[in-house]
Amino acid sequence: MKKLLFAFMALMAIAFVACEDDDNNSKTTVDFEDVTLNSNGLNVNDSISGSITSGDLAVTCTWTSSAWGTFGSGFFVSNQTDTANAGSTNAFSCVAQSGVNSSSNYAVFYSSTDSIKFSSPVDMESVMLCNNAYAYVSMKNGDSFAKKFEAGDYFYVTLTLYNESNTSLGTKDFYLGDFRDGKSTIVSDWTELDLSTFSGVSYIKFSFSSSDTGSWGINTPQYFCIDNISYYKAE
């Protein structure tokens, strides 16, 4: 009887490990390391409009050159590490000076209607977020457009997740700068945002809110960095 019991327990342990391995194997983490960058450490040269594909997802962006200079919106993949220079000329450096876990590449988002799109619906786990150098220094010191943050100030990005029927599944906020209720936080390290309550996600959109607004809208530079987008293929 004891031999049968031990044999049954052994089989159950093997089955549990097998299931655990299957779950682990189904997890996908997109880290943008497969995106080729130019000599300036960006995925763009003169102009680009459309999608950047990494793993099972595509991030959309627009990058335009004109007589007024080069500008863009949406997502841009970068490995820039400059945190010494302030202002909009240093918009594509992560203040953490690398991707997650000292990796090279990460994505920078600049205010737009662009989104993260999955090739098929997924069950989300998490994303890693951080400030870019431009927004970080602006909140810390102020600049010609935006104020130095003080008690009561805040700046956050809202993620809105949608299913394949274009129906919102809900939202999740992430505070990039938070000076409410005695806090004085400006995010300078990669920080995990848990999205594990969202299933059947087809795409994610982003919007910003700030205590520093004027007649033209938000004054705080509307940027953030994102890396290690983790999810499971929806059943």
C-alpha atoms as a PDB file:
ATOM      1  CA  MET A   1       0.000   0.000   0.000  1.00  0.00           C
ATOM      2  CA  LYS A   2       2.828   2.370   0.911  1.00  0.00           C
ATOM      3  CA  LYS A   3       4.547   1.622  -2.414  1.00  0.00           C
ATOM      4  CA  LEU A   4       1.357   2.484  -4.295  1.00  0.00           C
ATOM      5  CA  LEU A   5       0.979   5.707  -2.311  1.00  0.00           C
ATOM      6  CA  PHE A   6       4.569   6.758  -3.006  1.00  0.00           C
ATOM      7  CA  ALA A   7       4.171   5.921  -6.688  1.00  0.00           C
ATOM      8  CA  PHE A   8       0.980   8.002  -6.880  1.00  0.00           C
ATOM      9  CA  MET A   9       2.672  10.962  -5.147  1.00  0.00           C
ATOM     10  CA  ALA A  10       5.618  10.745  -7.531  1.00  0.00           C
ATOM     11  CA  LEU A  11       3.309  10.776 -10.551  1.00  0.00           C
ATOM     12  CA  MET A  12       1.442  13.792  -9.169  1.00  0.00           C
ATOM     13  CA  ALA A  13       4.726  15.654  -8.624  1.00  0.00           C
ATOM     14  CA  ILE A  14       5.808  14.930 -12.198  1.00  0.00           C
ATOM     15  CA  ALA A  15       2.440  16.088 -13.530  1.00  0.00           C
ATOM     16  CA  PHE A  16       2.643  19.294 -11.500  1.00  0.00           C
ATOM     17  CA  VAL A  17       6.138  20.094 -12.780  1.00  0.00           C
ATOM     18  CA  ALA A  18       5.055  19.341 -16.354  1.00  0.00           C
ATOM     19  CA  CYS A  19       2.082  21.708 -16.052  1.00  0.00           C
ATOM     20  CA  GLU A  20       4.287  24.350 -14.469  1.00  0.00           C
ATOM     21  CA  ASP A  21       6.798  23.998 -17.314  1.00  0.00           C
ATOM     22  CA  ASP A  22       4.009  24.307 -19.876  1.00  0.00           C
ATOM     23  CA  ASP A  23       2.789  27.507 -18.215  1.00  0.00           C
ATOM     24  CA  ASN A  24       6.300  28.913 -18.067  1.00  0.00           C
ATOM     25  CA  ASN A  25       6.953  28.005 -21.697  1.00  0.00           C
ATOM     26  CA  SER A  26       3.785  29.810 -22.807  1.00  0.00           C
ATOM     27  CA  LYS A  27       4.899  33.094 -21.286  1.00  0.00           C
ATOM     28  CA  THR A  28       6.301  35.667 -23.707  1.00  0.00           C
ATOM     29  CA  THR A  29       8.379  38.717 -22.777  1.00  0.00           C
ATOM     30  CA  VAL A  30       9.100  41.283 -25.466  1.00  0.00           C
ATOM     31  CA  ASP A  31      12.272  43.247 -24.685  1.00  0.00           C
ATOM     32  CA  PHE A  32      12.987  44.969 -28.044  1.00  0.00           C
ATOM     33  CA  GLU A  33      16.452  43.427 -28.251  1.00  0.00           C
ATOM     34  CA  ASP A  34      15.608  42.115 -31.735  1.00  0.00           C
ATOM     35  CA  VAL A  35      15.109  45.639 -33.155  1.00  0.00           C
ATOM     36  CA  THR A  36      18.045  46.949 -35.213  1.00  0.00           C
ATOM     37  CA  LEU A  37      19.200  50.439 -34.245  1.00  0.00           C
ATOM     38  CA  ASN A  38      21.155  53.014 -36.238  1.00  0.00           C
ATOM     39  CA  SER A  39      24.477  54.594 -35.266  1.00  0.00           C
ATOM     40  CA  ASN A  40      22.642  57.081 -33.042  1.00  0.00           C
ATOM     41  CA  GLY A  41      21.066  54.290 -31.034  1.00  0.00           C
ATOM     42  CA  LEU A  42      17.567  54.682 -32.486  1.00  0.00           C
ATOM     43  CA  ASN A  43      15.411  52.604 -34.819  1.00  0.00           C
ATOM     44  CA  VAL A  44      14.721  55.589 -37.107  1.00  0.00           C
ATOM     45  CA  ASN A  45      16.747  57.537 -39.641  1.00  0.00           C
ATOM     46  CA  ASP A  46      15.047  60.145 -41.846  1.00  0.00           C
ATOM     47  CA  SER A  47      11.390  59.234 -41.687  1.00  0.00           C
ATOM     48  CA  ILE A  48       9.241  56.300 -40.719  1.00  0.00           C
ATOM     49  CA  SER A  49       5.527  55.792 -40.365  1.00  0.00           C
ATOM     50  CA  GLY A  50       3.932  52.506 -39.393  1.00  0.00           C
ATOM     51  CA  SER A  51       4.846  49.666 -37.087  1.00  0.00           C
ATOM     52  CA  ILE A  52       7.968  48.379 -35.392  1.00  0.00           C
ATOM     53  CA  THR A  53       7.680  44.632 -34.853  1.00  0.00           C
ATOM     54  CA  SER A  54       9.259  42.886 -31.876  1.00  0.00           C
ATOM     55  CA  GLY A  55       8.274  39.351 -30.959  1.00  0.00           C
ATOM     56  CA  ASP A  56       4.490  38.923 -31.183  1.00  0.00           C
ATOM     57  CA  LEU A  57       3.650  42.604 -31.002  1.00  0.00           C
ATOM     58  CA  ALA A  58       3.887  45.744 -33.078  1.00  0.00           C
ATOM     59  CA  VAL A  59       4.286  49.284 -31.758  1.00  0.00           C
ATOM     60  CA  THR A  60       3.181  52.133 -34.014  1.00  0.00           C
ATOM     61  CA  CYS A  61       5.021  55.366 -34.602  1.00  0.00           C
ATOM     62  CA  THR A  62       5.469  58.350 -36.892  1.00  0.00           C
ATOM     63  CA  TRP A  63       8.805  60.086 -37.458  1.00  0.00           C
ATOM     64  CA  THR A  64       9.050  63.078 -39.770  1.00  0.00           C
ATOM     65  CA  SER A  65      11.848  65.293 -41.058  1.00  0.00           C
ATOM     66  CA  SER A  66      10.979  68.841 -42.124  1.00  0.00           C
ATOM     67  CA  ALA A  67      12.408  72.336 -42.382  1.00  0.00           C
ATOM     68  CA  TRP A  68      11.593  72.730 -38.670  1.00  0.00           C
ATOM     69  CA  GLY A  69      13.690  69.723 -37.724  1.00  0.00           C
ATOM     70  CA  THR A  70      12.997  66.092 -37.009  1.00  0.00           C
ATOM     71  CA  PHE A  71      10.178  65.119 -34.697  1.00  0.00           C
ATOM     72  CA  GLY A  72       7.979  62.162 -34.022  1.00  0.00           C
ATOM     73  CA  SER A  73       5.255  60.557 -31.981  1.00  0.00           C
ATOM     74  CA  GLY A  74       4.379  57.108 -30.743  1.00  0.00           C
ATOM     75  CA  PHE A  75       7.046  54.517 -29.957  1.00  0.00           C
ATOM     76  CA  PHE A  76      10.755  54.622 -30.726  1.00  0.00           C
ATOM     77  CA  VAL A  77      13.260  51.932 -29.810  1.00  0.00           C
ATOM     78  CA  SER A  78      16.476  53.275 -28.297  1.00  0.00           C
ATOM     79  CA  ASN A  79      19.628  52.352 -26.402  1.00  0.00           C
ATOM     80  CA  GLN A  80      20.668  55.917 -25.544  1.00  0.00           C
ATOM     81  CA  THR A  81      21.982  56.466 -22.014  1.00  0.00           C
ATOM     82  CA  ASP A  82      22.584  60.229 -21.776  1.00  0.00           C
ATOM     83  CA  THR A  83      21.218  61.606 -18.495  1.00  0.00           C
ATOM     84  CA  ALA A  84      23.555  64.610 -18.281  1.00  0.00           C
ATOM     85  CA  ASN A  85      21.788  66.820 -20.831  1.00  0.00           C
ATOM     86  CA  ALA A  86      18.384  68.369 -20.208  1.00  0.00           C
ATOM     87  CA  GLY A  87      15.682  69.349 -22.670  1.00  0.00           C
ATOM     88  CA  SER A  88      13.933  67.961 -25.715  1.00  0.00           C
ATOM     89  CA  THR A  89      17.193  67.160 -27.524  1.00  0.00           C
ATOM     90  CA  ASN A  90      17.617  64.316 -25.020  1.00  0.00           C
ATOM     91  CA  ALA A  91      14.167  62.795 -25.453  1.00  0.00           C
ATOM     92  CA  PHE A  92      15.234  59.203 -26.209  1.00  0.00           C
ATOM     93  CA  SER A  93      17.378  58.350 -23.187  1.00  0.00           C
ATOM     94  CA  CYS A  94      16.043  56.313 -20.282  1.00  0.00           C
ATOM     95  CA  VAL A  95      16.954  57.820 -16.928  1.00  0.00           C
ATOM     96  CA  ALA A  96      17.852  54.285 -15.745  1.00  0.00           C
ATOM     97  CA  GLN A  97      20.623  54.343 -18.417  1.00  0.00           C
ATOM     98  CA  SER A  98      19.716  50.915 -19.861  1.00  0.00           C
ATOM     99  CA  GLY A  99      16.844  48.580 -20.526  1.00  0.00           C
ATOM    100  CA  VAL A 100      15.539  46.238 -17.821  1.00  0.00           C
ATOM    101  CA  ASN A 101      18.258  44.132 -16.141  1.00  0.00           C
ATOM    102  CA  SER A 102      20.992  46.158 -17.882  1.00  0.00           C
ATOM    103  CA  SER A 103      19.788  45.141 -21.349  1.00  0.00           C
ATOM    104  CA  SER A 104      20.517  47.442 -24.287  1.00  0.00           C
ATOM    105  CA  ASN A 105      17.196  48.254 -25.950  1.00  0.00           C
ATOM    106  CA  TYR A 106      13.926  49.668 -24.685  1.00  0.00           C
ATOM    107  CA  ALA A 107      11.069  51.690 -26.182  1.00  0.00           C
ATOM    108  CA  VAL A 108      10.251  55.357 -25.602  1.00  0.00           C
ATOM    109  CA  PHE A 109       6.670  56.588 -26.005  1.00  0.00           C
ATOM    110  CA  TYR A 110       5.861  60.190 -26.936  1.00  0.00           C
ATOM    111  CA  SER A 111       2.286  61.471 -26.659  1.00  0.00           C
ATOM    112  CA  SER A 112       0.143  60.264 -29.561  1.00  0.00           C
ATOM    113  CA  THR A 113      -2.762  57.999 -30.446  1.00  0.00           C
ATOM    114  CA  ASP A 114      -0.365  55.148 -31.280  1.00  0.00           C
ATOM    115  CA  SER A 115      -0.628  51.808 -29.499  1.00  0.00           C
ATOM    116  CA  ILE A 116       0.881  48.419 -28.683  1.00  0.00           C
ATOM    117  CA  LYS A 117      -0.848  45.790 -30.831  1.00  0.00           C
ATOM    118  CA  PHE A 118      -0.648  42.027 -30.322  1.00  0.00           C
ATOM    119  CA  SER A 119      -0.771  39.594 -33.242  1.00  0.00           C
ATOM    120  CA  SER A 120      -3.542  37.687 -31.407  1.00  0.00           C
ATOM    121  CA  PRO A 121      -5.321  38.235 -28.065  1.00  0.00           C
ATOM    122  CA  VAL A 122      -3.155  37.779 -24.955  1.00  0.00           C
ATOM    123  CA  ASP A 123      -3.541  37.498 -21.206  1.00  0.00           C
ATOM    124  CA  MET A 124      -1.343  40.193 -19.737  1.00  0.00           C
ATOM    125  CA  GLU A 125       1.123  39.725 -16.913  1.00  0.00           C
ATOM    126  CA  SER A 126       3.080  42.979 -16.559  1.00  0.00           C
ATOM    127  CA  VAL A 127       5.135  45.735 -18.160  1.00  0.00           C
ATOM    128  CA  MET A 128       8.200  47.580 -16.891  1.00  0.00           C
ATOM    129  CA  LEU A 129       8.065  51.396 -16.958  1.00  0.00           C
ATOM    130  CA  CYS A 130      10.501  54.238 -16.277  1.00  0.00           C
ATOM    131  CA  ASN A 131      10.940  57.950 -16.984  1.00  0.00           C
ATOM    132  CA  ASN A 132      12.925  59.222 -19.926  1.00  0.00           C
ATOM    133  CA  ALA A 133      15.648  61.761 -19.174  1.00  0.00           C
ATOM    134  CA  TYR A 134      13.715  64.747 -20.586  1.00  0.00           C
ATOM    135  CA  ALA A 135      10.632  64.263 -18.390  1.00  0.00           C
ATOM    136  CA  TYR A 136      12.677  63.309 -15.326  1.00  0.00           C
ATOM    137  CA  VAL A 137      14.877  66.423 -15.372  1.00  0.00           C
ATOM    138  CA  SER A 138      11.895  68.637 -16.185  1.00  0.00           C
ATOM    139  CA  MET A 139       9.970  67.416 -13.136  1.00  0.00           C
ATOM    140  CA  LYS A 140      13.084  67.640 -10.948  1.00  0.00           C
ATOM    141  CA  ASN A 141      14.305  71.095 -11.984  1.00  0.00           C
ATOM    142  CA  GLY A 142      11.642  72.656 -14.205  1.00  0.00           C
ATOM    143  CA  ASP A 143      12.342  74.052 -17.672  1.00  0.00           C
ATOM    144  CA  SER A 144      11.217  76.845 -20.003  1.00  0.00           C
ATOM    145  CA  PHE A 145       7.830  75.164 -20.499  1.00  0.00           C
ATOM    146  CA  ALA A 146       7.151  73.157 -17.347  1.00  0.00           C
ATOM    147  CA  LYS A 147       7.384  73.762 -13.605  1.00  0.00           C
ATOM    148  CA  LYS A 148       9.629  72.125 -11.038  1.00  0.00           C
ATOM    149  CA  PHE A 149       7.455  69.675  -9.136  1.00  0.00           C
ATOM    150  CA  GLU A 150       6.460  70.574  -5.590  1.00  0.00           C
ATOM    151  CA  ALA A 151       3.934  69.426  -2.988  1.00  0.00           C
ATOM    152  CA  GLY A 152       0.678  68.326  -4.625  1.00  0.00           C
ATOM    153  CA  ASP A 153       2.073  67.827  -8.137  1.00  0.00           C
ATOM    154  CA  TYR A 154       1.717  64.638 -10.164  1.00  0.00           C
ATOM    155  CA  PHE A 155       2.327  63.187 -13.613  1.00  0.00           C
ATOM    156  CA  TYR A 156       1.028  59.786 -14.655  1.00  0.00           C
ATOM    157  CA  VAL A 157       0.362  57.649 -17.694  1.00  0.00           C
ATOM    158  CA  THR A 158      -2.895  55.722 -18.089  1.00  0.00           C
ATOM    159  CA  LEU A 159      -2.907  52.403 -19.927  1.00  0.00           C
ATOM    160  CA  THR A 160      -6.254  51.493 -21.513  1.00  0.00           C
ATOM    161  CA  LEU A 161      -6.499  47.871 -22.632  1.00  0.00           C
ATOM    162  CA  TYR A 162      -8.878  46.753 -25.398  1.00  0.00           C
ATOM    163  CA  ASN A 163     -10.136  43.440 -26.724  1.00  0.00           C
ATOM    164  CA  GLU A 164     -10.436  42.487 -30.398  1.00  0.00           C
ATOM    165  CA  SER A 165     -13.946  44.016 -30.513  1.00  0.00           C
ATOM    166  CA  ASN A 166     -12.419  47.405 -29.625  1.00  0.00           C
ATOM    167  CA  THR A 167     -14.131  47.325 -26.228  1.00  0.00           C
ATOM    168  CA  SER A 168     -12.193  48.736 -23.278  1.00  0.00           C
ATOM    169  CA  LEU A 169     -11.287  46.123 -20.682  1.00  0.00           C
ATOM    170  CA  GLY A 170     -10.312  48.788 -18.160  1.00  0.00           C
ATOM    171  CA  THR A 171      -7.463  51.114 -17.261  1.00  0.00           C
ATOM    172  CA  LYS A 172      -4.350  51.149 -15.083  1.00  0.00           C
ATOM    173  CA  ASP A 173      -2.465  54.275 -13.955  1.00  0.00           C
ATOM    174  CA  PHE A 174       1.273  54.536 -13.362  1.00  0.00           C
ATOM    175  CA  TYR A 175       2.670  57.598 -11.573  1.00  0.00           C
ATOM    176  CA  LEU A 176       5.911  58.795 -13.181  1.00  0.00           C
ATOM    177  CA  GLY A 177       6.060  61.683 -10.700  1.00  0.00           C
ATOM    178  CA  ASP A 178       4.101  61.861  -7.453  1.00  0.00           C
ATOM    179  CA  PHE A 179       4.329  64.702  -4.936  1.00  0.00           C
ATOM    180  CA  ARG A 180       0.926  64.120  -3.348  1.00  0.00           C
ATOM    181  CA  ASP A 181       0.350  63.320   0.327  1.00  0.00           C
ATOM    182  CA  GLY A 182       3.900  64.056   1.438  1.00  0.00           C
ATOM    183  CA  LYS A 183       5.575  62.035  -1.327  1.00  0.00           C
ATOM    184  CA  SER A 184       8.366  63.379  -3.548  1.00  0.00           C
ATOM    185  CA  THR A 185       8.812  60.547  -6.029  1.00  0.00           C
ATOM    186  CA  ILE A 186      10.134  60.845  -9.580  1.00  0.00           C
ATOM    187  CA  VAL A 187      10.642  57.357 -11.004  1.00  0.00           C
ATOM    188  CA  SER A 188      14.289  56.736 -11.880  1.00  0.00           C
ATOM    189  CA  ASP A 189      14.418  52.922 -12.002  1.00  0.00           C
ATOM    190  CA  TRP A 190      12.535  50.324 -14.009  1.00  0.00           C
ATOM    191  CA  THR A 191       9.328  49.568 -12.104  1.00  0.00           C
ATOM    192  CA  GLU A 192       6.845  46.755 -12.706  1.00  0.00           C
ATOM    193  CA  LEU A 193       3.199  47.527 -13.415  1.00  0.00           C
ATOM    194  CA  ASP A 194       1.002  44.487 -12.762  1.00  0.00           C
ATOM    195  CA  LEU A 195      -1.553  43.891 -15.527  1.00  0.00           C
ATOM    196  CA  SER A 196      -2.435  40.305 -14.649  1.00  0.00           C
ATOM    197  CA  THR A 197      -6.158  41.068 -14.234  1.00  0.00           C
ATOM    198  CA  PHE A 198      -6.506  41.791 -17.976  1.00  0.00           C
ATOM    199  CA  SER A 199      -7.316  38.886 -20.315  1.00  0.00           C
ATOM    200  CA  GLY A 200      -8.070  38.758 -24.028  1.00  0.00           C
ATOM    201  CA  VAL A 201      -6.099  41.942 -24.751  1.00  0.00           C
ATOM    202  CA  SER A 202      -5.608  42.927 -28.403  1.00  0.00           C
ATOM    203  CA  TYR A 203      -4.036  46.354 -27.976  1.00  0.00           C
ATOM    204  CA  ILE A 204      -3.043  48.979 -25.394  1.00  0.00           C
ATOM    205  CA  LYS A 205      -3.351  52.759 -25.702  1.00  0.00           C
ATOM    206  CA  PHE A 206      -1.738  55.430 -23.536  1.00  0.00           C
ATOM    207  CA  SER A 207      -2.675  58.877 -22.248  1.00  0.00           C
ATOM    208  CA  PHE A 208      -1.146  61.335 -19.795  1.00  0.00           C
ATOM    209  CA  SER A 209      -2.363  63.448 -16.860  1.00  0.00           C
ATOM    210  CA  SER A 210      -0.419  66.159 -15.034  1.00  0.00           C
ATOM    211  CA  SER A 211      -0.987  68.803 -12.382  1.00  0.00           C
ATOM    212  CA  ASP A 212       1.063  71.166 -14.563  1.00  0.00           C
ATOM    213  CA  THR A 213      -1.278  72.195 -17.380  1.00  0.00           C
ATOM    214  CA  GLY A 214      -1.878  75.412 -19.312  1.00  0.00           C
ATOM    215  CA  SER A 215      -3.926  76.792 -22.163  1.00  0.00           C
ATOM    216  CA  TRP A 216      -2.157  74.393 -24.575  1.00  0.00           C
ATOM    217  CA  GLY A 217      -2.630  71.354 -22.346  1.00  0.00           C
ATOM    218  CA  ILE A 218      -0.022  69.419 -20.341  1.00  0.00           C
ATOM    219  CA  ASN A 219       3.293  71.239 -19.806  1.00  0.00           C
ATOM    220  CA  THR A 220       5.216  68.266 -18.390  1.00  0.00           C
ATOM    221  CA  PRO A 221       7.059  66.463 -21.232  1.00  0.00           C
ATOM    222  CA  GLN A 222       4.738  63.621 -22.256  1.00  0.00           C
ATOM    223  CA  TYR A 223       7.199  60.739 -22.467  1.00  0.00           C
ATOM    224  CA  PHE A 224       7.860  57.442 -20.729  1.00  0.00           C
ATOM    225  CA  CYS A 225      10.007  54.355 -21.332  1.00  0.00           C
ATOM    226  CA  ILE A 226       8.673  50.799 -21.546  1.00  0.00           C
ATOM    227  CA  ASP A 227      10.383  47.387 -21.637  1.00  0.00           C
ATOM    228  CA  ASN A 228       9.778  43.694 -20.884  1.00  0.00           C
ATOM    229  CA  ILE A 229       6.144  43.452 -21.940  1.00  0.00           C
ATOM    230  CA  SER A 230       5.087  40.070 -20.504  1.00  0.00           C
ATOM    231  CA  TYR A 231       1.975  38.081 -21.403  1.00  0.00           C
ATOM    232  CA  TYR A 232       0.509  34.665 -22.158  1.00  0.00           C
ATOM    233  CA  LYS A 233      -1.225  33.634 -25.354  1.00  0.00           C
ATOM    234  CA  ALA A 234      -4.960  33.710 -24.667  1.00  0.00           C
ATOM    235  CA  GLU A 235      -6.597  30.277 -24.723  1.00  0.00           C
END
